[in-house]
Amino acid sequence: MKKLIVPSILSADFTKLEEEVRAVQRSGADWIHVDVMDGHFVPNISIGTPIVKSLKNLNPPMMDIHLMIDSPEKFVSAFIEAGKPFVKVITVQVEACRLLYSTVTAIKSYGVMAGVALSPGTPISSIEEILPYVDLILIMTVEPGFAEQKFINSMIPKIKRLRCETNNSAYKPLIEVDGGIKLDNIREVAQAGADVFVSGSGIFKTEDYALTIQTMRKEIESK
């Protein structure tokens, strides 16, 4: 399967969000990552349904929406409705979702990929029972909540363990990695077994988005 590069708009310049989204789209972004934060599950507030609704008017790349919020099951339908038909994935945090099976099932009922995310301190074993039902597993390589954090190197073995488990399983969810992904570490993350690479400041804080994404692809392919 093609490895996917997904710019996180949390690091974009929000005073010119349309221009930023169009720029990464022209530069070859596969999806765009939309971080939704509520100030409860994480100590930050970011994007809500109005922004998602505005994004869809741009005919954007498909949206990879990460709900870093308490009780995400209450908001799944609102975000899918706000962004359709451009919502590719809805991902919920395992730690925040009390009704994980029914939430994953609800996401899939809309024809959208269902993802589950693990914070750095959450073990892979916490998703053992839900593995048959998910399309994507997101390994957070920073603590969720803020952009431009430093990549936690000890997450590399965690990615490797998850890759090993999925390789030996009948179930083959995509492995996504988010947090501090830049040109200087994306090859190592690819070697660990990731399929989807979310990068915020690693793309949006560079001068040439197209060159950065192109170089990232070369790094991934050279693994």
N, C-alpha and C. Protein backbone atom coordinates (compact mmCIF):
# COMPACT_ATOMS: atom_id res chain seq x y z
N MET A 1 0.82 -1.19 0.00
CA MET A 1 0.00 0.00 0.00
C MET A 1 0.86 1.25 0.00
N LYS A 2 0.41 2.28 -0.68
CA LYS A 2 1.10 3.57 -0.69
C LYS A 2 1.15 4.16 0.71
N LYS A 3 2.31 4.67 1.10
CA LYS A 3 2.44 5.38 2.36
C LYS A 3 1.86 6.79 2.19
N LEU A 4 1.16 7.26 3.20
CA LEU A 4 0.43 8.52 3.10
C LEU A 4 1.07 9.62 3.94
N ILE A 5 1.20 10.80 3.37
CA ILE A 5 1.70 11.97 4.09
C ILE A 5 0.54 12.93 4.30
N VAL A 6 0.34 13.28 5.57
CA VAL A 6 -0.89 13.99 5.97
C VAL A 6 -0.52 15.24 6.78
N PRO A 7 -0.51 16.41 6.17
CA PRO A 7 -0.22 17.64 6.92
C PRO A 7 -1.30 17.92 7.97
N SER A 8 -0.85 18.30 9.17
CA SER A 8 -1.78 18.67 10.24
C SER A 8 -2.00 20.18 10.22
N ILE A 9 -3.23 20.59 9.98
CA ILE A 9 -3.50 22.02 9.84
C ILE A 9 -3.42 22.76 11.16
N LEU A 10 -3.23 22.06 12.28
CA LEU A 10 -3.04 22.73 13.56
C LEU A 10 -1.82 23.66 13.50
N SER A 11 -0.86 23.34 12.64
CA SER A 11 0.35 24.15 12.52
C SER A 11 0.27 25.15 11.36
N ALA A 12 -0.86 25.19 10.67
CA ALA A 12 -1.02 26.14 9.57
C ALA A 12 -1.25 27.55 10.11
N ASP A 13 -1.09 28.52 9.24
CA ASP A 13 -1.39 29.90 9.58
C ASP A 13 -2.91 30.10 9.42
N PHE A 14 -3.61 30.21 10.54
CA PHE A 14 -5.07 30.27 10.49
C PHE A 14 -5.60 31.59 9.93
N THR A 15 -4.74 32.59 9.79
CA THR A 15 -5.19 33.84 9.16
C THR A 15 -5.32 33.68 7.65
N LYS A 16 -4.76 32.61 7.13
CA LYS A 16 -4.89 32.32 5.69
C LYS A 16 -5.06 30.82 5.49
N LEU A 17 -6.02 30.26 6.20
CA LEU A 17 -6.20 28.81 6.21
C LEU A 17 -6.53 28.27 4.82
N GLU A 18 -7.37 28.98 4.08
CA GLU A 18 -7.70 28.53 2.72
C GLU A 18 -6.44 28.40 1.88
N GLU A 19 -5.60 29.42 1.91
CA GLU A 19 -4.36 29.41 1.14
C GLU A 19 -3.45 28.26 1.57
N GLU A 20 -3.39 28.01 2.87
CA GLU A 20 -2.54 26.94 3.40
C GLU A 20 -3.02 25.57 2.95
N VAL A 21 -4.33 25.34 3.02
CA VAL A 21 -4.88 24.05 2.61
C VAL A 21 -4.66 23.82 1.12
N ARG A 22 -4.90 24.86 0.33
CA ARG A 22 -4.70 24.72 -1.11
C ARG A 22 -3.22 24.48 -1.43
N ALA A 23 -2.35 25.09 -0.65
CA ALA A 23 -0.91 24.93 -0.90
C ALA A 23 -0.46 23.49 -0.66
N VAL A 24 -0.89 22.89 0.45
CA VAL A 24 -0.46 21.50 0.70
C VAL A 24 -1.16 20.54 -0.26
N GLN A 25 -2.36 20.91 -0.69
CA GLN A 25 -3.05 20.08 -1.68
C GLN A 25 -2.26 20.06 -2.99
N ARG A 26 -1.83 21.23 -3.45
CA ARG A 26 -1.01 21.32 -4.66
C ARG A 26 0.33 20.61 -4.48
N SER A 27 0.79 20.57 -3.24
CA SER A 27 2.11 20.01 -2.96
C SER A 27 2.10 18.49 -2.81
N GLY A 28 0.92 17.88 -2.91
CA GLY A 28 0.86 16.42 -2.92
C GLY A 28 0.41 15.77 -1.63
N ALA A 29 -0.21 16.54 -0.73
CA ALA A 29 -0.74 15.93 0.49
C ALA A 29 -1.79 14.87 0.15
N ASP A 30 -1.74 13.75 0.83
CA ASP A 30 -2.71 12.68 0.59
C ASP A 30 -4.04 12.98 1.29
N TRP A 31 -3.97 13.36 2.54
CA TRP A 31 -5.13 13.82 3.32
C TRP A 31 -4.69 15.08 4.05
N ILE A 32 -5.62 15.70 4.78
CA ILE A 32 -5.23 16.71 5.77
C ILE A 32 -5.74 16.23 7.13
N HIS A 33 -4.94 16.51 8.15
CA HIS A 33 -5.25 16.08 9.52
C HIS A 33 -5.88 17.24 10.27
N VAL A 34 -7.04 16.97 10.88
CA VAL A 34 -7.79 18.01 11.59
C VAL A 34 -7.87 17.63 13.07
N ASP A 35 -7.15 18.37 13.90
CA ASP A 35 -7.13 18.09 15.34
C ASP A 35 -8.23 18.86 16.05
N VAL A 36 -9.12 18.12 16.68
CA VAL A 36 -10.25 18.71 17.42
C VAL A 36 -9.97 18.55 18.91
N MET A 37 -9.87 19.68 19.63
CA MET A 37 -9.55 19.67 21.06
C MET A 37 -10.59 20.47 21.83
N ASP A 38 -10.94 19.98 23.00
CA ASP A 38 -12.07 20.55 23.73
C ASP A 38 -11.71 21.28 25.03
N GLY A 39 -10.43 21.30 25.40
CA GLY A 39 -10.06 21.94 26.65
C GLY A 39 -10.36 21.11 27.88
N HIS A 40 -10.84 19.88 27.69
CA HIS A 40 -11.14 18.97 28.80
C HIS A 40 -10.24 17.73 28.74
N PHE A 41 -10.38 16.97 27.66
CA PHE A 41 -9.50 15.81 27.53
C PHE A 41 -8.05 16.26 27.38
N VAL A 42 -7.84 17.35 26.64
CA VAL A 42 -6.51 17.96 26.53
C VAL A 42 -6.62 19.43 26.94
N PRO A 43 -5.54 20.02 27.42
CA PRO A 43 -5.59 21.41 27.90
C PRO A 43 -5.46 22.44 26.79
N ASN A 44 -6.24 22.28 25.76
CA ASN A 44 -6.19 23.21 24.64
C ASN A 44 -7.53 23.14 23.91
N ILE A 45 -7.90 24.20 23.23
CA ILE A 45 -9.12 24.25 22.42
C ILE A 45 -8.71 24.61 21.00
N SER A 46 -9.23 23.87 20.03
CA SER A 46 -8.80 24.13 18.65
C SER A 46 -9.97 24.31 17.70
N ILE A 47 -10.25 23.26 16.95
CA ILE A 47 -11.16 23.34 15.80
C ILE A 47 -12.49 22.68 16.12
N GLY A 48 -13.59 23.30 15.66
CA GLY A 48 -14.91 22.71 15.82
C GLY A 48 -15.58 22.47 14.48
N THR A 49 -16.84 22.13 14.52
CA THR A 49 -17.56 21.81 13.27
C THR A 49 -17.64 22.98 12.29
N PRO A 50 -17.72 24.26 12.72
CA PRO A 50 -17.76 25.34 11.72
C PRO A 50 -16.53 25.37 10.82
N ILE A 51 -15.34 25.12 11.39
CA ILE A 51 -14.13 25.10 10.58
C ILE A 51 -14.16 23.92 9.62
N VAL A 52 -14.59 22.76 10.10
CA VAL A 52 -14.68 21.58 9.23
C VAL A 52 -15.65 21.85 8.08
N LYS A 53 -16.75 22.50 8.39
CA LYS A 53 -17.73 22.83 7.34
C LYS A 53 -17.14 23.79 6.33
N SER A 54 -16.35 24.75 6.79
CA SER A 54 -15.70 25.69 5.88
C SER A 54 -14.67 24.99 5.01
N LEU A 55 -13.93 24.06 5.61
CA LEU A 55 -12.91 23.34 4.86
C LEU A 55 -13.50 22.58 3.68
N LYS A 56 -14.67 21.99 3.87
CA LYS A 56 -15.23 21.19 2.78
C LYS A 56 -15.58 22.05 1.57
N ASN A 57 -15.80 23.33 1.79
CA ASN A 57 -16.11 24.23 0.68
C ASN A 57 -14.91 24.51 -0.20
N LEU A 58 -13.73 24.09 0.25
CA LEU A 58 -12.50 24.29 -0.52
C LEU A 58 -12.22 23.12 -1.46
N ASN A 59 -13.10 22.11 -1.45
CA ASN A 59 -12.81 20.87 -2.20
C ASN A 59 -11.43 20.35 -1.81
N PRO A 60 -11.24 20.11 -0.51
CA PRO A 60 -9.90 19.82 0.02
C PRO A 60 -9.50 18.37 -0.20
N PRO A 61 -8.26 18.02 0.18
CA PRO A 61 -7.95 16.59 0.31
C PRO A 61 -8.88 15.99 1.35
N MET A 62 -8.99 14.68 1.35
CA MET A 62 -9.84 14.03 2.34
C MET A 62 -9.36 14.36 3.75
N MET A 63 -10.33 14.51 4.65
CA MET A 63 -10.02 14.92 6.01
C MET A 63 -9.88 13.73 6.95
N ASP A 64 -8.82 13.77 7.73
CA ASP A 64 -8.50 12.79 8.76
C ASP A 64 -8.75 13.52 10.09
N ILE A 65 -9.92 13.30 10.69
CA ILE A 65 -10.35 14.08 11.84
C ILE A 65 -10.06 13.32 13.13
N HIS A 66 -9.27 13.94 13.99
CA HIS A 66 -8.84 13.33 15.24
C HIS A 66 -9.55 14.02 16.39
N LEU A 67 -10.47 13.32 17.04
CA LEU A 67 -11.26 13.87 18.13
C LEU A 67 -10.54 13.67 19.46
N MET A 68 -9.82 14.69 19.89
CA MET A 68 -9.16 14.68 21.20
C MET A 68 -10.10 15.37 22.20
N ILE A 69 -11.23 14.72 22.44
CA ILE A 69 -12.29 15.31 23.24
C ILE A 69 -12.91 14.26 24.15
N ASP A 70 -13.49 14.73 25.25
CA ASP A 70 -14.25 13.83 26.12
C ASP A 70 -15.53 13.37 25.43
N SER A 71 -15.95 12.15 25.69
CA SER A 71 -17.20 11.58 25.16
C SER A 71 -17.34 11.83 23.66
N PRO A 72 -16.37 11.41 22.87
CA PRO A 72 -16.42 11.68 21.43
C PRO A 72 -17.64 11.06 20.74
N GLU A 73 -18.20 10.02 21.36
CA GLU A 73 -19.38 9.39 20.76
C GLU A 73 -20.53 10.36 20.57
N LYS A 74 -20.55 11.44 21.34
CA LYS A 74 -21.63 12.43 21.24
C LYS A 74 -21.47 13.35 20.03
N PHE A 75 -20.28 13.37 19.43
CA PHE A 75 -19.98 14.36 18.40
C PHE A 75 -19.61 13.76 17.05
N VAL A 76 -19.53 12.46 16.97
CA VAL A 76 -19.13 11.81 15.72
C VAL A 76 -20.02 12.24 14.56
N SER A 77 -21.32 12.15 14.73
CA SER A 77 -22.23 12.45 13.62
C SER A 77 -22.12 13.91 13.21
N ALA A 78 -21.93 14.82 14.16
CA ALA A 78 -21.84 16.25 13.84
C ALA A 78 -20.63 16.54 12.98
N PHE A 79 -19.49 15.92 13.28
CA PHE A 79 -18.30 16.17 12.48
C PHE A 79 -18.39 15.52 11.11
N ILE A 80 -18.98 14.35 11.04
CA ILE A 80 -19.13 13.70 9.74
C ILE A 80 -20.07 14.51 8.86
N GLU A 81 -21.18 14.98 9.43
CA GLU A 81 -22.14 15.79 8.66
C GLU A 81 -21.51 17.10 8.23
N ALA A 82 -20.70 17.71 9.10
CA ALA A 82 -20.08 19.00 8.78
C ALA A 82 -19.10 18.87 7.61
N GLY A 83 -18.41 17.73 7.53
CA GLY A 83 -17.35 17.60 6.54
C GLY A 83 -17.65 16.75 5.33
N LYS A 84 -18.78 16.04 5.33
CA LYS A 84 -19.03 15.12 4.22
C LYS A 84 -19.17 15.89 2.91
N PRO A 85 -18.71 15.33 1.80
CA PRO A 85 -18.19 13.96 1.61
C PRO A 85 -16.66 13.86 1.74
N PHE A 86 -16.05 14.83 2.44
CA PHE A 86 -14.59 14.87 2.49
C PHE A 86 -14.01 14.27 3.77
N VAL A 87 -14.82 13.62 4.57
CA VAL A 87 -14.30 12.99 5.79
C VAL A 87 -13.89 11.55 5.47
N LYS A 88 -12.60 11.30 5.58
CA LYS A 88 -12.06 9.97 5.29
C LYS A 88 -12.01 9.11 6.53
N VAL A 89 -11.54 9.71 7.64
CA VAL A 89 -11.33 8.98 8.89
C VAL A 89 -11.81 9.82 10.06
N ILE A 90 -12.47 9.17 11.02
CA ILE A 90 -12.71 9.77 12.33
C ILE A 90 -11.98 8.91 13.35
N THR A 91 -11.08 9.53 14.11
CA THR A 91 -10.31 8.81 15.12
C THR A 91 -10.66 9.33 16.50
N VAL A 92 -10.88 8.41 17.42
CA VAL A 92 -11.19 8.78 18.81
C VAL A 92 -10.08 8.26 19.72
N GLN A 93 -9.88 8.97 20.81
CA GLN A 93 -8.88 8.55 21.80
C GLN A 93 -9.45 7.43 22.66
N VAL A 94 -8.71 6.34 22.78
CA VAL A 94 -9.15 5.22 23.61
C VAL A 94 -9.43 5.68 25.04
N GLU A 95 -8.60 6.59 25.54
CA GLU A 95 -8.69 7.02 26.93
C GLU A 95 -9.94 7.86 27.20
N ALA A 96 -10.52 8.44 26.15
CA ALA A 96 -11.64 9.36 26.33
C ALA A 96 -12.99 8.76 25.98
N CYS A 97 -12.97 7.59 25.35
CA CYS A 97 -14.21 7.02 24.81
C CYS A 97 -14.69 5.87 25.68
N ARG A 98 -15.78 6.10 26.37
CA ARG A 98 -16.32 5.07 27.29
C ARG A 98 -17.10 4.00 26.55
N LEU A 99 -17.54 4.31 25.35
CA LEU A 99 -18.35 3.36 24.57
C LEU A 99 -17.63 3.08 23.25
N LEU A 100 -16.48 2.47 23.35
CA LEU A 100 -15.60 2.37 22.20
C LEU A 100 -16.18 1.53 21.07
N TYR A 101 -16.71 0.36 21.39
CA TYR A 101 -17.26 -0.50 20.34
C TYR A 101 -18.40 0.19 19.60
N SER A 102 -19.34 0.75 20.34
CA SER A 102 -20.49 1.38 19.68
C SER A 102 -20.08 2.64 18.91
N THR A 103 -19.04 3.33 19.39
CA THR A 103 -18.56 4.52 18.68
C THR A 103 -17.91 4.14 17.37
N VAL A 104 -17.06 3.13 17.40
CA VAL A 104 -16.42 2.64 16.17
C VAL A 104 -17.47 2.15 15.18
N THR A 105 -18.44 1.43 15.69
CA THR A 105 -19.52 0.93 14.82
C THR A 105 -20.30 2.08 14.20
N ALA A 106 -20.57 3.11 14.99
CA ALA A 106 -21.31 4.27 14.49
C ALA A 106 -20.53 4.99 13.39
N ILE A 107 -19.23 5.15 13.59
CA ILE A 107 -18.40 5.81 12.57
C ILE A 107 -18.47 5.03 11.26
N LYS A 108 -18.32 3.73 11.33
CA LYS A 108 -18.32 2.91 10.13
C LYS A 108 -19.67 2.89 9.44
N SER A 109 -20.73 3.10 10.20
CA SER A 109 -22.08 3.10 9.60
C SER A 109 -22.27 4.25 8.61
N TYR A 110 -21.43 5.28 8.73
CA TYR A 110 -21.48 6.41 7.79
C TYR A 110 -20.62 6.19 6.56
N GLY A 111 -19.97 5.04 6.49
CA GLY A 111 -19.07 4.78 5.38
C GLY A 111 -17.73 5.47 5.55
N VAL A 112 -17.39 5.81 6.79
CA VAL A 112 -16.15 6.49 7.12
C VAL A 112 -15.23 5.51 7.84
N MET A 113 -13.92 5.64 7.61
CA MET A 113 -12.97 4.79 8.32
C MET A 113 -12.96 5.15 9.80
N ALA A 114 -12.88 4.13 10.66
CA ALA A 114 -12.87 4.33 12.10
C ALA A 114 -11.47 4.11 12.63
N GLY A 115 -10.98 5.11 13.37
CA GLY A 115 -9.66 5.00 13.96
C GLY A 115 -9.69 5.11 15.47
N VAL A 116 -8.72 4.51 16.13
CA VAL A 116 -8.54 4.67 17.56
C VAL A 116 -7.11 5.16 17.80
N ALA A 117 -6.96 6.08 18.75
CA ALA A 117 -5.66 6.68 19.04
C ALA A 117 -5.20 6.30 20.43
N LEU A 118 -3.90 6.09 20.55
CA LEU A 118 -3.28 5.77 21.84
C LEU A 118 -2.31 6.87 22.22
N SER A 119 -2.51 7.47 23.39
CA SER A 119 -1.54 8.42 23.92
C SER A 119 -0.25 7.68 24.26
N PRO A 120 0.86 8.40 24.45
CA PRO A 120 2.15 7.72 24.68
C PRO A 120 2.14 6.73 25.84
N GLY A 121 1.41 7.02 26.90
CA GLY A 121 1.41 6.14 28.05
C GLY A 121 0.39 5.02 28.02
N THR A 122 -0.38 4.92 26.94
CA THR A 122 -1.43 3.91 26.84
C THR A 122 -0.90 2.68 26.10
N PRO A 123 -1.00 1.50 26.69
CA PRO A 123 -0.43 0.30 26.05
C PRO A 123 -1.26 -0.20 24.87
N ILE A 124 -0.60 -0.87 23.97
CA ILE A 124 -1.28 -1.46 22.81
C ILE A 124 -2.35 -2.46 23.26
N SER A 125 -2.13 -3.11 24.38
CA SER A 125 -3.09 -4.12 24.87
C SER A 125 -4.48 -3.54 25.10
N SER A 126 -4.58 -2.22 25.25
CA SER A 126 -5.89 -1.61 25.51
C SER A 126 -6.82 -1.68 24.31
N ILE A 127 -6.29 -1.98 23.13
CA ILE A 127 -7.15 -2.05 21.95
C ILE A 127 -7.29 -3.48 21.41
N GLU A 128 -6.84 -4.44 22.19
CA GLU A 128 -6.86 -5.83 21.72
C GLU A 128 -8.26 -6.27 21.29
N GLU A 129 -9.27 -5.92 22.08
CA GLU A 129 -10.62 -6.39 21.79
C GLU A 129 -11.30 -5.64 20.65
N ILE A 130 -10.81 -4.42 20.37
CA ILE A 130 -11.45 -3.62 19.32
C ILE A 130 -10.74 -3.78 17.98
N LEU A 131 -9.59 -4.44 17.96
CA LEU A 131 -8.79 -4.56 16.75
C LEU A 131 -9.56 -5.08 15.54
N PRO A 132 -10.47 -6.06 15.70
CA PRO A 132 -11.18 -6.56 14.51
C PRO A 132 -12.10 -5.52 13.85
N TYR A 133 -12.37 -4.42 14.53
CA TYR A 133 -13.39 -3.48 14.06
C TYR A 133 -12.84 -2.16 13.56
N VAL A 134 -11.54 -1.91 13.74
CA VAL A 134 -11.00 -0.59 13.39
C VAL A 134 -10.24 -0.64 12.06
N ASP A 135 -10.20 0.52 11.40
CA ASP A 135 -9.51 0.65 10.12
C ASP A 135 -8.14 1.30 10.27
N LEU A 136 -7.93 1.97 11.40
CA LEU A 136 -6.70 2.73 11.59
C LEU A 136 -6.38 2.81 13.08
N ILE A 137 -5.10 2.66 13.41
CA ILE A 137 -4.63 2.85 14.78
C ILE A 137 -3.60 3.97 14.77
N LEU A 138 -3.86 4.99 15.56
CA LEU A 138 -2.98 6.15 15.63
C LEU A 138 -2.11 6.06 16.88
N ILE A 139 -0.81 6.00 16.67
CA ILE A 139 0.15 6.04 17.77
C ILE A 139 0.59 7.49 17.94
N MET A 140 0.25 8.08 19.08
CA MET A 140 0.70 9.44 19.37
C MET A 140 2.15 9.39 19.84
N THR A 141 3.00 10.18 19.20
CA THR A 141 4.41 10.23 19.56
C THR A 141 4.76 11.54 20.28
N VAL A 142 3.73 12.25 20.70
CA VAL A 142 3.80 13.34 21.67
C VAL A 142 2.54 13.22 22.53
N GLU A 143 2.52 13.92 23.66
CA GLU A 143 1.27 13.98 24.42
C GLU A 143 0.26 14.79 23.64
N PRO A 144 -0.98 14.31 23.50
CA PRO A 144 -1.96 15.06 22.72
C PRO A 144 -2.27 16.42 23.35
N GLY A 145 -2.48 17.42 22.49
CA GLY A 145 -2.92 18.71 23.01
C GLY A 145 -2.29 19.93 22.39
N PHE A 146 -1.03 19.84 21.96
CA PHE A 146 -0.35 21.02 21.44
C PHE A 146 0.52 20.67 20.25
N ALA A 147 0.62 21.62 19.31
CA ALA A 147 1.50 21.45 18.16
C ALA A 147 2.95 21.72 18.56
N GLU A 148 3.85 21.29 17.68
CA GLU A 148 5.28 21.61 17.77
C GLU A 148 5.98 21.03 18.99
N GLN A 149 5.49 19.89 19.47
CA GLN A 149 6.18 19.19 20.54
C GLN A 149 7.28 18.30 19.95
N LYS A 150 8.22 17.92 20.81
CA LYS A 150 9.33 17.08 20.39
C LYS A 150 8.91 15.61 20.35
N PHE A 151 9.30 14.94 19.30
CA PHE A 151 9.04 13.53 19.10
C PHE A 151 9.59 12.71 20.27
N ILE A 152 8.77 11.80 20.81
CA ILE A 152 9.20 10.93 21.91
C ILE A 152 9.82 9.67 21.31
N ASN A 153 11.13 9.59 21.37
CA ASN A 153 11.84 8.50 20.68
C ASN A 153 11.47 7.12 21.19
N SER A 154 11.05 7.03 22.46
CA SER A 154 10.70 5.71 23.01
C SER A 154 9.42 5.14 22.41
N MET A 155 8.74 5.90 21.56
CA MET A 155 7.55 5.39 20.88
C MET A 155 7.90 4.52 19.67
N ILE A 156 9.14 4.59 19.21
CA ILE A 156 9.55 3.74 18.08
C ILE A 156 9.34 2.26 18.38
N PRO A 157 9.78 1.74 19.53
CA PRO A 157 9.50 0.33 19.83
C PRO A 157 8.01 0.01 19.90
N LYS A 158 7.21 0.97 20.32
CA LYS A 158 5.76 0.76 20.38
C LYS A 158 5.18 0.59 18.98
N ILE A 159 5.65 1.41 18.04
CA ILE A 159 5.22 1.28 16.65
C ILE A 159 5.63 -0.08 16.10
N LYS A 160 6.84 -0.49 16.41
CA LYS A 160 7.34 -1.79 15.94
C LYS A 160 6.50 -2.94 16.50
N ARG A 161 6.15 -2.85 17.78
CA ARG A 161 5.33 -3.91 18.39
C ARG A 161 3.95 -3.98 17.74
N LEU A 162 3.37 -2.82 17.47
CA LEU A 162 2.06 -2.81 16.82
C LEU A 162 2.15 -3.38 15.40
N ARG A 163 3.22 -3.02 14.68
CA ARG A 163 3.40 -3.55 13.33
C ARG A 163 3.51 -5.07 13.36
N CYS A 164 4.25 -5.57 14.33
CA CYS A 164 4.42 -7.02 14.47
C CYS A 164 3.08 -7.68 14.76
N GLU A 165 2.32 -7.09 15.66
CA GLU A 165 1.02 -7.66 16.02
C GLU A 165 0.06 -7.68 14.84
N THR A 166 0.02 -6.60 14.08
CA THR A 166 -0.90 -6.57 12.94
C THR A 166 -0.43 -7.50 11.82
N ASN A 167 0.88 -7.61 11.65
CA ASN A 167 1.40 -8.53 10.64
C ASN A 167 1.04 -9.97 10.95
N ASN A 168 0.92 -10.28 12.23
CA ASN A 168 0.60 -11.65 12.66
C ASN A 168 -0.89 -11.84 12.95
N SER A 169 -1.68 -10.88 12.54
CA SER A 169 -3.12 -10.92 12.79
C SER A 169 -3.88 -11.01 11.48
N ALA A 170 -5.11 -11.44 11.57
CA ALA A 170 -5.98 -11.44 10.39
C ALA A 170 -6.47 -10.04 10.07
N TYR A 171 -6.29 -9.12 11.00
CA TYR A 171 -6.81 -7.76 10.85
C TYR A 171 -5.65 -6.83 10.49
N LYS A 172 -5.89 -5.94 9.52
CA LYS A 172 -4.82 -5.13 8.97
C LYS A 172 -5.17 -3.64 8.97
N PRO A 173 -5.38 -3.05 10.15
CA PRO A 173 -5.63 -1.60 10.17
C PRO A 173 -4.37 -0.83 9.77
N LEU A 174 -4.56 0.35 9.21
CA LEU A 174 -3.44 1.22 8.95
C LEU A 174 -2.82 1.67 10.27
N ILE A 175 -1.51 1.84 10.27
CA ILE A 175 -0.83 2.40 11.44
C ILE A 175 -0.44 3.83 11.11
N GLU A 176 -1.01 4.75 11.85
CA GLU A 176 -0.74 6.18 11.68
C GLU A 176 0.12 6.65 12.85
N VAL A 177 1.01 7.60 12.58
CA VAL A 177 1.85 8.16 13.62
C VAL A 177 1.75 9.68 13.56
N ASP A 178 1.59 10.30 14.74
CA ASP A 178 1.38 11.74 14.81
C ASP A 178 2.14 12.31 16.00
N GLY A 179 2.96 13.33 15.73
CA GLY A 179 3.63 14.03 16.81
C GLY A 179 5.12 14.19 16.57
N GLY A 180 5.53 15.38 16.17
CA GLY A 180 6.96 15.64 15.99
C GLY A 180 7.58 14.98 14.78
N ILE A 181 6.75 14.63 13.79
CA ILE A 181 7.28 13.98 12.58
C ILE A 181 7.90 15.03 11.66
N LYS A 182 9.18 14.86 11.39
CA LYS A 182 9.91 15.81 10.54
C LYS A 182 10.84 15.04 9.61
N LEU A 183 11.52 15.79 8.76
CA LEU A 183 12.42 15.15 7.80
C LEU A 183 13.51 14.33 8.48
N ASP A 184 13.94 14.74 9.67
CA ASP A 184 15.06 14.05 10.30
C ASP A 184 14.67 12.76 11.02
N ASN A 185 13.37 12.46 11.11
CA ASN A 185 12.99 11.20 11.78
C ASN A 185 11.95 10.38 11.03
N ILE A 186 11.46 10.88 9.90
CA ILE A 186 10.37 10.17 9.22
C ILE A 186 10.84 8.82 8.67
N ARG A 187 12.10 8.72 8.29
CA ARG A 187 12.60 7.43 7.78
C ARG A 187 12.58 6.38 8.90
N GLU A 188 12.99 6.76 10.10
CA GLU A 188 13.00 5.82 11.22
C GLU A 188 11.58 5.37 11.56
N VAL A 189 10.62 6.31 11.48
CA VAL A 189 9.22 5.97 11.74
C VAL A 189 8.70 5.01 10.68
N ALA A 190 9.10 5.24 9.43
CA ALA A 190 8.71 4.33 8.35
C ALA A 190 9.31 2.95 8.56
N GLN A 191 10.56 2.90 8.96
CA GLN A 191 11.23 1.62 9.21
C GLN A 191 10.56 0.86 10.36
N ALA A 192 9.98 1.60 11.30
CA ALA A 192 9.29 0.97 12.43
C ALA A 192 7.98 0.32 12.00
N GLY A 193 7.42 0.78 10.86
CA GLY A 193 6.22 0.13 10.35
C GLY A 193 5.01 1.00 10.12
N ALA A 194 5.17 2.33 10.17
CA ALA A 194 4.02 3.22 9.97
C ALA A 194 3.57 3.24 8.51
N ASP A 195 2.27 3.47 8.33
CA ASP A 195 1.67 3.61 7.01
C ASP A 195 1.30 5.05 6.69
N VAL A 196 0.91 5.79 7.73
CA VAL A 196 0.38 7.15 7.56
C VAL A 196 1.18 8.08 8.47
N PHE A 197 1.69 9.18 7.90
CA PHE A 197 2.60 10.07 8.62
C PHE A 197 1.96 11.45 8.72
N VAL A 198 1.57 11.83 9.93
CA VAL A 198 1.00 13.15 10.17
C VAL A 198 2.13 14.10 10.55
N SER A 199 2.20 15.23 9.87
CA SER A 199 3.24 16.21 10.16
C SER A 199 2.64 17.61 10.13
N GLY A 200 2.83 18.33 11.22
CA GLY A 200 2.32 19.70 11.31
C GLY A 200 3.42 20.70 11.01
N SER A 201 4.18 21.06 12.04
CA SER A 201 5.26 22.03 11.84
C SER A 201 6.34 21.49 10.91
N GLY A 202 6.45 20.15 10.82
CA GLY A 202 7.42 19.55 9.91
C GLY A 202 7.17 19.89 8.46
N ILE A 203 5.95 20.32 8.15
CA ILE A 203 5.60 20.78 6.80
C ILE A 203 5.32 22.28 6.80
N PHE A 204 4.40 22.72 7.67
CA PHE A 204 3.93 24.09 7.61
C PHE A 204 4.96 25.12 8.06
N LYS A 205 5.99 24.70 8.77
CA LYS A 205 7.04 25.64 9.18
C LYS A 205 8.24 25.59 8.24
N THR A 206 8.08 24.96 7.09
CA THR A 206 9.14 24.96 6.08
C THR A 206 8.78 25.95 4.97
N GLU A 207 9.75 26.33 4.20
CA GLU A 207 9.54 27.37 3.19
C GLU A 207 8.87 26.82 1.93
N ASP A 208 9.10 25.57 1.63
CA ASP A 208 8.61 24.98 0.38
C ASP A 208 7.88 23.68 0.71
N TYR A 209 6.54 23.74 0.80
CA TYR A 209 5.76 22.57 1.19
C TYR A 209 5.96 21.43 0.20
N ALA A 210 5.97 21.75 -1.08
CA ALA A 210 6.10 20.71 -2.10
C ALA A 210 7.43 19.98 -1.98
N LEU A 211 8.50 20.74 -1.78
CA LEU A 211 9.82 20.12 -1.64
C LEU A 211 9.87 19.27 -0.37
N THR A 212 9.29 19.77 0.70
CA THR A 212 9.29 19.02 1.96
C THR A 212 8.55 17.69 1.81
N ILE A 213 7.35 17.74 1.23
CA ILE A 213 6.56 16.52 1.06
C ILE A 213 7.27 15.55 0.10
N GLN A 214 7.84 16.09 -0.96
CA GLN A 214 8.58 15.25 -1.91
C GLN A 214 9.76 14.57 -1.22
N THR A 215 10.48 15.32 -0.40
CA THR A 215 11.63 14.76 0.30
C THR A 215 11.20 13.73 1.34
N MET A 216 10.08 14.00 2.01
CA MET A 216 9.54 13.02 2.95
C MET A 216 9.22 11.71 2.25
N ARG A 217 8.65 11.79 1.07
CA ARG A 217 8.33 10.56 0.31
C ARG A 217 9.60 9.78 -0.01
N LYS A 218 10.65 10.49 -0.38
CA LYS A 218 11.92 9.81 -0.68
C LYS A 218 12.48 9.12 0.57
N GLU A 219 12.36 9.80 1.71
CA GLU A 219 12.83 9.21 2.97
C GLU A 219 12.05 7.93 3.31
N ILE A 220 10.74 7.97 3.11
CA ILE A 220 9.90 6.81 3.39
C ILE A 220 10.25 5.65 2.46
N GLU A 221 10.44 5.97 1.18
CA GLU A 221 10.70 4.93 0.18
C GLU A 221 12.09 4.33 0.35
N SER A 222 12.99 5.07 0.99
CA SER A 222 14.37 4.59 1.11
C SER A 222 14.57 3.72 2.35
N LYS A 223 13.44 3.44 3.06
CA LYS A 223 13.54 2.67 4.32
C LYS A 223 14.04 1.25 4.06
